[in-house]
Amino acid sequence: VELKIEIDARLLERAQEAGISIEKLAEAELRRALADLDPDLARYRGLSDEQKARLWGDENAEAIEAHKARIAEFGVFGEDFRSW
C-alpha cells in the first residue's frame, strides 16, 4: 500500500544516511501503537523475541500438550500416505 506523508527533508536525509528504513520503522511503530489498543497484544510490548516465544508457549501449554497427546494416540496427519 502506498502512503504519502511529509517529513522534514533534513531528518529524512539523516535517516537515509544512517541506513534507517522509513517503511520498516513506520510499520514497526504502527504495530506498537496498535498493540497498545489491543489488550491481547499489549502484554507482548517491550519483550524480546525470546521472551515473546516463552510467554506464548506458557499461554498455550495446555493446547500444545493436547496436540502432543493426539499425535501420540493417532499419529501425524497423513502419516499413512507416506512412502518413505
PDB file of N, CA and C in Angstrom:
ATOM      1  N   VAL A   1       0.851  -1.178   0.000  1.00  0.00           N
ATOM      2  CA  VAL A   1       0.000   0.000   0.000  1.00  0.00           C
ATOM      3  C   VAL A   1       0.890   1.232   0.000  1.00  0.00           C
ATOM      4  N   GLU A   2       0.528   2.182  -0.770  1.00  0.00           N
ATOM      5  CA  GLU A   2       1.304   3.415  -0.838  1.00  0.00           C
ATOM      6  C   GLU A   2       0.672   4.454   0.077  1.00  0.00           C
ATOM      7  N   LEU A   3       1.531   5.199   0.769  1.00  0.00           N
ATOM      8  CA  LEU A   3       1.094   6.232   1.692  1.00  0.00           C
ATOM      9  C   LEU A   3       1.955   7.456   1.464  1.00  0.00           C
ATOM     10  N   LYS A   4       1.322   8.592   1.330  1.00  0.00           N
ATOM     11  CA  LYS A   4       2.079   9.821   1.118  1.00  0.00           C
ATOM     12  C   LYS A   4       2.081  10.606   2.424  1.00  0.00           C
ATOM     13  N   ILE A   5       3.291  10.902   2.916  1.00  0.00           N
ATOM     14  CA  ILE A   5       3.432  11.710   4.119  1.00  0.00           C
ATOM     15  C   ILE A   5       4.533  12.734   3.890  1.00  0.00           C
ATOM     16  N   GLU A   6       4.497  13.786   4.663  1.00  0.00           N
ATOM     17  CA  GLU A   6       5.540  14.805   4.579  1.00  0.00           C
ATOM     18  C   GLU A   6       6.450  14.661   5.786  1.00  0.00           C
ATOM     19  N   ILE A   7       7.768  14.664   5.511  1.00  0.00           N
ATOM     20  CA  ILE A   7       8.780  14.541   6.551  1.00  0.00           C
ATOM     21  C   ILE A   7       9.829  15.610   6.309  1.00  0.00           C
ATOM     22  N   ASP A   8      10.325  16.193   7.380  1.00  0.00           N
ATOM     23  CA  ASP A   8      11.394  17.182   7.278  1.00  0.00           C
ATOM     24  C   ASP A   8      12.507  16.604   6.414  1.00  0.00           C
ATOM     25  N   ALA A   9      12.917  17.333   5.372  1.00  0.00           N
ATOM     26  CA  ALA A   9      13.895  16.844   4.399  1.00  0.00           C
ATOM     27  C   ALA A   9      15.222  16.472   5.053  1.00  0.00           C
ATOM     28  N   ARG A  10      15.700  17.298   5.972  1.00  0.00           N
ATOM     29  CA  ARG A  10      16.983  17.020   6.630  1.00  0.00           C
ATOM     30  C   ARG A  10      16.885  15.769   7.499  1.00  0.00           C
ATOM     31  N   LEU A  11      15.774  15.623   8.186  1.00  0.00           N
ATOM     32  CA  LEU A  11      15.557  14.446   9.018  1.00  0.00           C
ATOM     33  C   LEU A  11      15.547  13.188   8.156  1.00  0.00           C
ATOM     34  N   LEU A  12      14.858  13.234   7.036  1.00  0.00           N
ATOM     35  CA  LEU A  12      14.809  12.100   6.128  1.00  0.00           C
ATOM     36  C   LEU A  12      16.198  11.779   5.581  1.00  0.00           C
ATOM     37  N   GLU A  13      16.940  12.810   5.231  1.00  0.00           N
ATOM     38  CA  GLU A  13      18.296  12.622   4.722  1.00  0.00           C
ATOM     39  C   GLU A  13      19.186  11.944   5.764  1.00  0.00           C
ATOM     40  N   ARG A  14      19.096  12.402   7.004  1.00  0.00           N
ATOM     41  CA  ARG A  14      19.894  11.804   8.086  1.00  0.00           C
ATOM     42  C   ARG A  14      19.516  10.340   8.306  1.00  0.00           C
ATOM     43  N   ALA A  15      18.227  10.048   8.234  1.00  0.00           N
ATOM     44  CA  ALA A  15      17.769   8.671   8.401  1.00  0.00           C
ATOM     45  C   ALA A  15      18.312   7.786   7.280  1.00  0.00           C
ATOM     46  N   GLN A  16      18.267   8.281   6.064  1.00  0.00           N
ATOM     47  CA  GLN A  16      18.781   7.515   4.926  1.00  0.00           C
ATOM     48  C   GLN A  16      20.283   7.293   5.057  1.00  0.00           C
ATOM     49  N   GLU A  17      21.012   8.311   5.489  1.00  0.00           N
ATOM     50  CA  GLU A  17      22.453   8.182   5.688  1.00  0.00           C
ATOM     51  C   GLU A  17      22.774   7.143   6.762  1.00  0.00           C
ATOM     52  N   ALA A  18      21.918   7.043   7.746  1.00  0.00           N
ATOM     53  CA  ALA A  18      22.117   6.097   8.841  1.00  0.00           C
ATOM     54  C   ALA A  18      21.628   4.694   8.481  1.00  0.00           C
ATOM     55  N   GLY A  19      21.031   4.547   7.296  1.00  0.00           N
ATOM     56  CA  GLY A  19      20.541   3.240   6.870  1.00  0.00           C
ATOM     57  C   GLY A  19      19.225   2.841   7.502  1.00  0.00           C
ATOM     58  N   ILE A  20      18.487   3.826   7.982  1.00  0.00           N
ATOM     59  CA  ILE A  20      17.195   3.549   8.618  1.00  0.00           C
ATOM     60  C   ILE A  20      16.131   3.461   7.527  1.00  0.00           C
ATOM     61  N   SER A  21      15.400   2.360   7.522  1.00  0.00           N
ATOM     62  CA  SER A  21      14.305   2.173   6.573  1.00  0.00           C
ATOM     63  C   SER A  21      13.053   2.849   7.142  1.00  0.00           C
ATOM     64  N   ILE A  22      12.625   3.898   6.495  1.00  0.00           N
ATOM     65  CA  ILE A  22      11.427   4.626   6.949  1.00  0.00           C
ATOM     66  C   ILE A  22      10.206   3.707   6.909  1.00  0.00           C
ATOM     67  N   GLU A  23      10.119   2.886   5.869  1.00  0.00           N
ATOM     68  CA  GLU A  23       8.976   1.987   5.739  1.00  0.00           C
ATOM     69  C   GLU A  23       8.916   0.998   6.899  1.00  0.00           C
ATOM     70  N   LYS A  24      10.055   0.374   7.214  1.00  0.00           N
ATOM     71  CA  LYS A  24      10.084  -0.600   8.307  1.00  0.00           C
ATOM     72  C   LYS A  24       9.850   0.068   9.648  1.00  0.00           C
ATOM     73  N   LEU A  25      10.411   1.257   9.824  1.00  0.00           N
ATOM     74  CA  LEU A  25      10.230   1.993  11.069  1.00  0.00           C
ATOM     75  C   LEU A  25       8.759   2.357  11.260  1.00  0.00           C
ATOM     76  N   ALA A  26       8.133   2.850  10.200  1.00  0.00           N
ATOM     77  CA  ALA A  26       6.721   3.229  10.287  1.00  0.00           C
ATOM     78  C   ALA A  26       5.856   2.013  10.602  1.00  0.00           C
ATOM     79  N   GLU A  27       6.136   0.891   9.955  1.00  0.00           N
ATOM     80  CA  GLU A  27       5.353  -0.313  10.202  1.00  0.00           C
ATOM     81  C   GLU A  27       5.529  -0.802  11.643  1.00  0.00           C
ATOM     82  N   ALA A  28       6.765  -0.803  12.123  1.00  0.00           N
ATOM     83  CA  ALA A  28       7.021  -1.244  13.499  1.00  0.00           C
ATOM     84  C   ALA A  28       6.310  -0.343  14.504  1.00  0.00           C
ATOM     85  N   GLU A  29       6.352   0.957  14.268  1.00  0.00           N
ATOM     86  CA  GLU A  29       5.697   1.889  15.194  1.00  0.00           C
ATOM     87  C   GLU A  29       4.178   1.749  15.141  1.00  0.00           C
ATOM     88  N   LEU A  30       3.628   1.486  13.963  1.00  0.00           N
ATOM     89  CA  LEU A  30       2.188   1.249  13.862  1.00  0.00           C
ATOM     90  C   LEU A  30       1.795  -0.012  14.626  1.00  0.00           C
ATOM     91  N   ARG A  31       2.615  -1.049  14.527  1.00  0.00           N
ATOM     92  CA  ARG A  31       2.337  -2.280  15.276  1.00  0.00           C
ATOM     93  C   ARG A  31       2.360  -2.009  16.782  1.00  0.00           C
ATOM     94  N   ARG A  32       3.334  -1.226  17.237  1.00  0.00           N
ATOM     95  CA  ARG A  32       3.409  -0.891  18.669  1.00  0.00           C
ATOM     96  C   ARG A  32       2.191  -0.089  19.108  1.00  0.00           C
ATOM     97  N   ALA A  33       1.806   0.889  18.309  1.00  0.00           N
ATOM     98  CA  ALA A  33       0.653   1.720  18.661  1.00  0.00           C
ATOM     99  C   ALA A  33      -0.619   0.885  18.723  1.00  0.00           C
ATOM    100  N   LEU A  34      -0.790  -0.030  17.778  1.00  0.00           N
ATOM    101  CA  LEU A  34      -1.980  -0.875  17.772  1.00  0.00           C
ATOM    102  C   LEU A  34      -1.959  -1.871  18.923  1.00  0.00           C
ATOM    103  N   ALA A  35      -0.771  -2.339  19.290  1.00  0.00           N
ATOM    104  CA  ALA A  35      -0.668  -3.268  20.424  1.00  0.00           C
ATOM    105  C   ALA A  35      -1.160  -2.607  21.696  1.00  0.00           C
ATOM    106  N   ASP A  36      -0.932  -1.302  21.814  1.00  0.00           N
ATOM    107  CA  ASP A  36      -1.409  -0.579  22.996  1.00  0.00           C
ATOM    108  C   ASP A  36      -2.926  -0.553  23.059  1.00  0.00           C
ATOM    109  N   LEU A  37      -3.574  -0.622  21.900  1.00  0.00           N
ATOM    110  CA  LEU A  37      -5.033  -0.586  21.847  1.00  0.00           C
ATOM    111  C   LEU A  37      -5.648  -1.971  22.025  1.00  0.00           C
ATOM    112  N   ASP A  38      -4.886  -3.009  21.766  1.00  0.00           N
ATOM    113  CA  ASP A  38      -5.378  -4.376  21.840  1.00  0.00           C
ATOM    114  C   ASP A  38      -4.809  -5.053  23.086  1.00  0.00           C
ATOM    115  N   PRO A  39      -5.642  -5.301  24.080  1.00  0.00           N
ATOM    116  CA  PRO A  39      -5.139  -5.890  25.313  1.00  0.00           C
ATOM    117  C   PRO A  39      -4.506  -7.265  25.101  1.00  0.00           C
ATOM    118  N   ASP A  40      -4.914  -7.984  24.063  1.00  0.00           N
ATOM    119  CA  ASP A  40      -4.320  -9.290  23.792  1.00  0.00           C
ATOM    120  C   ASP A  40      -2.888  -9.163  23.289  1.00  0.00           C
ATOM    121  N   LEU A  41      -2.552  -8.038  22.658  1.00  0.00           N
ATOM    122  CA  LEU A  41      -1.202  -7.827  22.139  1.00  0.00           C
ATOM    123  C   LEU A  41      -0.341  -6.983  23.072  1.00  0.00           C
ATOM    124  N   ALA A  42      -0.965  -6.186  23.918  1.00  0.00           N
ATOM    125  CA  ALA A  42      -0.219  -5.256  24.771  1.00  0.00           C
ATOM    126  C   ALA A  42       0.766  -5.970  25.687  1.00  0.00           C
ATOM    127  N   ARG A  43       0.436  -7.186  26.099  1.00  0.00           N
ATOM    128  CA  ARG A  43       1.324  -7.895  27.023  1.00  0.00           C
ATOM    129  C   ARG A  43       2.652  -8.277  26.374  1.00  0.00           C
ATOM    130  N   TYR A  44       2.723  -8.229  25.048  1.00  0.00           N
ATOM    131  CA  TYR A  44       3.961  -8.546  24.345  1.00  0.00           C
ATOM    132  C   TYR A  44       4.860  -7.325  24.149  1.00  0.00           C
ATOM    133  N   ARG A  45       4.342  -6.153  24.431  1.00  0.00           N
ATOM    134  CA  ARG A  45       5.095  -4.921  24.199  1.00  0.00           C
ATOM    135  C   ARG A  45       6.364  -4.880  25.047  1.00  0.00           C
ATOM    136  N   GLY A  46       7.457  -4.560  24.401  1.00  0.00           N
ATOM    137  CA  GLY A  46       8.713  -4.391  25.094  1.00  0.00           C
ATOM    138  C   GLY A  46       9.465  -5.687  25.371  1.00  0.00           C
ATOM    139  N   LEU A  47       8.910  -6.824  24.957  1.00  0.00           N
ATOM    140  CA  LEU A  47       9.573  -8.096  25.194  1.00  0.00           C
ATOM    141  C   LEU A  47      10.470  -8.455  24.016  1.00  0.00           C
ATOM    142  N   SER A  48      11.539  -9.170  24.298  1.00  0.00           N
ATOM    143  CA  SER A  48      12.398  -9.671  23.222  1.00  0.00           C
ATOM    144  C   SER A  48      11.655 -10.802  22.515  1.00  0.00           C
ATOM    145  N   ASP A  49      12.138 -11.199  21.343  1.00  0.00           N
ATOM    146  CA  ASP A  49      11.512 -12.302  20.623  1.00  0.00           C
ATOM    147  C   ASP A  49      11.523 -13.580  21.458  1.00  0.00           C
ATOM    148  N   GLU A  50      12.619 -13.811  22.169  1.00  0.00           N
ATOM    149  CA  GLU A  50      12.705 -14.999  23.016  1.00  0.00           C
ATOM    150  C   GLU A  50      11.679 -14.947  24.145  1.00  0.00           C
ATOM    151  N   GLN A  51      11.513 -13.779  24.755  1.00  0.00           N
ATOM    152  CA  GLN A  51      10.528 -13.632  25.829  1.00  0.00           C
ATOM    153  C   GLN A  51       9.106 -13.798  25.289  1.00  0.00           C
ATOM    154  N   LYS A  52       8.854 -13.257  24.092  1.00  0.00           N
ATOM    155  CA  LYS A  52       7.530 -13.415  23.474  1.00  0.00           C
ATOM    156  C   LYS A  52       7.238 -14.887  23.217  1.00  0.00           C
ATOM    157  N   ALA A  53       8.237 -15.616  22.704  1.00  0.00           N
ATOM    158  CA  ALA A  53       8.058 -17.041  22.420  1.00  0.00           C
ATOM    159  C   ALA A  53       7.781 -17.822  23.699  1.00  0.00           C
ATOM    160  N   ARG A  54       8.520 -17.504  24.751  1.00  0.00           N
ATOM    161  CA  ARG A  54       8.331 -18.190  26.027  1.00  0.00           C
ATOM    162  C   ARG A  54       6.931 -17.904  26.585  1.00  0.00           C
ATOM    163  N   LEU A  55       6.503 -16.646  26.532  1.00  0.00           N
ATOM    164  CA  LEU A  55       5.175 -16.271  27.016  1.00  0.00           C
ATOM    165  C   LEU A  55       4.091 -16.982  26.215  1.00  0.00           C
ATOM    166  N   TRP A  56       4.252 -17.003  24.876  1.00  0.00           N
ATOM    167  CA  TRP A  56       3.284 -17.680  24.022  1.00  0.00           C
ATOM    168  C   TRP A  56       3.214 -19.162  24.387  1.00  0.00           C
ATOM    169  N   GLY A  57       4.372 -19.783  24.583  1.00  0.00           N
ATOM    170  CA  GLY A  57       4.404 -21.194  24.953  1.00  0.00           C
ATOM    171  C   GLY A  57       3.721 -21.455  26.283  1.00  0.00           C
ATOM    172  N   ASP A  58       3.956 -20.578  27.243  1.00  0.00           N
ATOM    173  CA  ASP A  58       3.311 -20.714  28.550  1.00  0.00           C
ATOM    174  C   ASP A  58       1.793 -20.575  28.434  1.00  0.00           C
ATOM    175  N   GLU A  59       1.365 -19.598  27.658  1.00  0.00           N
ATOM    176  CA  GLU A  59      -0.074 -19.342  27.500  1.00  0.00           C
ATOM    177  C   GLU A  59      -0.774 -20.462  26.728  1.00  0.00           C
ATOM    178  N   ASN A  60      -0.044 -21.161  25.892  1.00  0.00           N
ATOM    179  CA  ASN A  60      -0.643 -22.189  25.043  1.00  0.00           C
ATOM    180  C   ASN A  60      -0.210 -23.603  25.431  1.00  0.00           C
ATOM    181  N   ALA A  61       0.358 -23.753  26.621  1.00  0.00           N
ATOM    182  CA  ALA A  61       0.887 -25.045  27.064  1.00  0.00           C
ATOM    183  C   ALA A  61      -0.187 -26.138  27.057  1.00  0.00           C
ATOM    184  N   GLU A  62      -1.383 -25.819  27.473  1.00  0.00           N
ATOM    185  CA  GLU A  62      -2.453 -26.819  27.519  1.00  0.00           C
ATOM    186  C   GLU A  62      -2.789 -27.321  26.114  1.00  0.00           C
ATOM    187  N   ALA A  63      -2.911 -26.408  25.169  1.00  0.00           N
ATOM    188  CA  ALA A  63      -3.223 -26.804  23.789  1.00  0.00           C
ATOM    189  C   ALA A  63      -2.066 -27.586  23.173  1.00  0.00           C
ATOM    190  N   ILE A  64      -0.846 -27.201  23.474  1.00  0.00           N
ATOM    191  CA  ILE A  64       0.326 -27.905  22.956  1.00  0.00           C
ATOM    192  C   ILE A  64       0.350 -29.334  23.480  1.00  0.00           C
ATOM    193  N   GLU A  65       0.074 -29.512  24.766  1.00  0.00           N
ATOM    194  CA  GLU A  65       0.045 -30.861  25.348  1.00  0.00           C
ATOM    195  C   GLU A  65      -1.081 -31.695  24.755  1.00  0.00           C
ATOM    196  N   ALA A  66      -2.239 -31.081  24.528  1.00  0.00           N
ATOM    197  CA  ALA A  66      -3.358 -31.802  23.912  1.00  0.00           C
ATOM    198  C   ALA A  66      -2.996 -32.240  22.497  1.00  0.00           C
ATOM    199  N   HIS A  67      -2.310 -31.383  21.774  1.00  0.00           N
ATOM    200  CA  HIS A  67      -1.871 -31.709  20.416  1.00  0.00           C
ATOM    201  C   HIS A  67      -0.878 -32.877  20.443  1.00  0.00           C
ATOM    202  N   LYS A  68       0.074 -32.837  21.367  1.00  0.00           N
ATOM    203  CA  LYS A  68       1.049 -33.926  21.501  1.00  0.00           C
ATOM    204  C   LYS A  68       0.350 -35.240  21.844  1.00  0.00           C
ATOM    205  N   ALA A  69      -0.648 -35.176  22.716  1.00  0.00           N
ATOM    206  CA  ALA A  69      -1.385 -36.386  23.105  1.00  0.00           C
ATOM    207  C   ALA A  69      -2.143 -36.961  21.912  1.00  0.00           C
ATOM    208  N   ARG A  70      -2.733 -36.075  21.112  1.00  0.00           N
ATOM    209  CA  ARG A  70      -3.458 -36.537  19.922  1.00  0.00           C
ATOM    210  C   ARG A  70      -2.511 -37.228  18.959  1.00  0.00           C
ATOM    211  N   ILE A  71      -1.328 -36.661  18.751  1.00  0.00           N
ATOM    212  CA  ILE A  71      -0.341 -37.268  17.859  1.00  0.00           C
ATOM    213  C   ILE A  71       0.123 -38.607  18.412  1.00  0.00           C
ATOM    214  N   ALA A  72       0.333 -38.671  19.723  1.00  0.00           N
ATOM    215  CA  ALA A  72       0.767 -39.922  20.342  1.00  0.00           C
ATOM    216  C   ALA A  72      -0.293 -41.009  20.155  1.00  0.00           C
ATOM    217  N   GLU A  73      -1.556 -40.621  20.216  1.00  0.00           N
ATOM    218  CA  GLU A  73      -2.639 -41.598  20.097  1.00  0.00           C
ATOM    219  C   GLU A  73      -2.945 -41.961  18.652  1.00  0.00           C
ATOM    220  N   PHE A  74      -2.996 -40.955  17.768  1.00  0.00           N
ATOM    221  CA  PHE A  74      -3.453 -41.191  16.398  1.00  0.00           C
ATOM    222  C   PHE A  74      -2.366 -41.054  15.338  1.00  0.00           C
ATOM    223  N   GLY A  75      -1.204 -40.547  15.718  1.00  0.00           N
ATOM    224  CA  GLY A  75      -0.131 -40.328  14.745  1.00  0.00           C
ATOM    225  C   GLY A  75      -0.273 -38.987  14.056  1.00  0.00           C
ATOM    226  N   VAL A  76       0.665 -38.709  13.185  1.00  0.00           N
ATOM    227  CA  VAL A  76       0.679 -37.446  12.445  1.00  0.00           C
ATOM    228  C   VAL A  76      -0.278 -37.544  11.268  1.00  0.00           C
ATOM    229  N   PHE A  77      -1.007 -36.468  10.999  1.00  0.00           N
ATOM    230  CA  PHE A  77      -1.945 -36.445   9.886  1.00  0.00           C
ATOM    231  C   PHE A  77      -1.219 -36.774   8.583  1.00  0.00           C
ATOM    232  N   GLY A  78      -1.757 -37.691   7.819  1.00  0.00           N
ATOM    233  CA  GLY A  78      -1.183 -38.059   6.538  1.00  0.00           C
ATOM    234  C   GLY A  78      -0.067 -39.083   6.638  1.00  0.00           C
ATOM    235  N   GLU A  79       0.253 -39.515   7.842  1.00  0.00           N
ATOM    236  CA  GLU A  79       1.366 -40.448   8.040  1.00  0.00           C
ATOM    237  C   GLU A  79       1.159 -41.749   7.254  1.00  0.00           C
ATOM    238  N   ASP A  80      -0.093 -42.172   7.133  1.00  0.00           N
ATOM    239  CA  ASP A  80      -0.386 -43.422   6.440  1.00  0.00           C
ATOM    240  C   ASP A  80      -0.181 -43.314   4.923  1.00  0.00           C
ATOM    241  N   PHE A  81      -0.007 -42.097   4.407  1.00  0.00           N
ATOM    242  CA  PHE A  81       0.215 -41.909   2.970  1.00  0.00           C
ATOM    243  C   PHE A  81       1.700 -41.824   2.631  1.00  0.00           C
ATOM    244  N   ARG A  82       2.552 -41.754   3.646  1.00  0.00           N
ATOM    245  CA  ARG A  82       3.986 -41.645   3.406  1.00  0.00           C
ATOM    246  C   ARG A  82       4.511 -42.900   2.734  1.00  0.00           C
ATOM    247  N   SER A  83       5.461 -42.686   1.806  1.00  0.00           N
ATOM    248  CA  SER A  83       6.049 -43.845   1.122  1.00  0.00           C
ATOM    249  C   SER A  83       7.502 -44.048   1.534  1.00  0.00           C
ATOM    250  N   TRP A  84       7.995 -43.298   2.465  1.00  0.00           N
ATOM    251  CA  TRP A  84       9.391 -43.450   2.900  1.00  0.00           C
ATOM    252  C   TRP A  84       9.473 -43.921   4.324  1.00  0.00           C
TER     253      TRP A  84
END
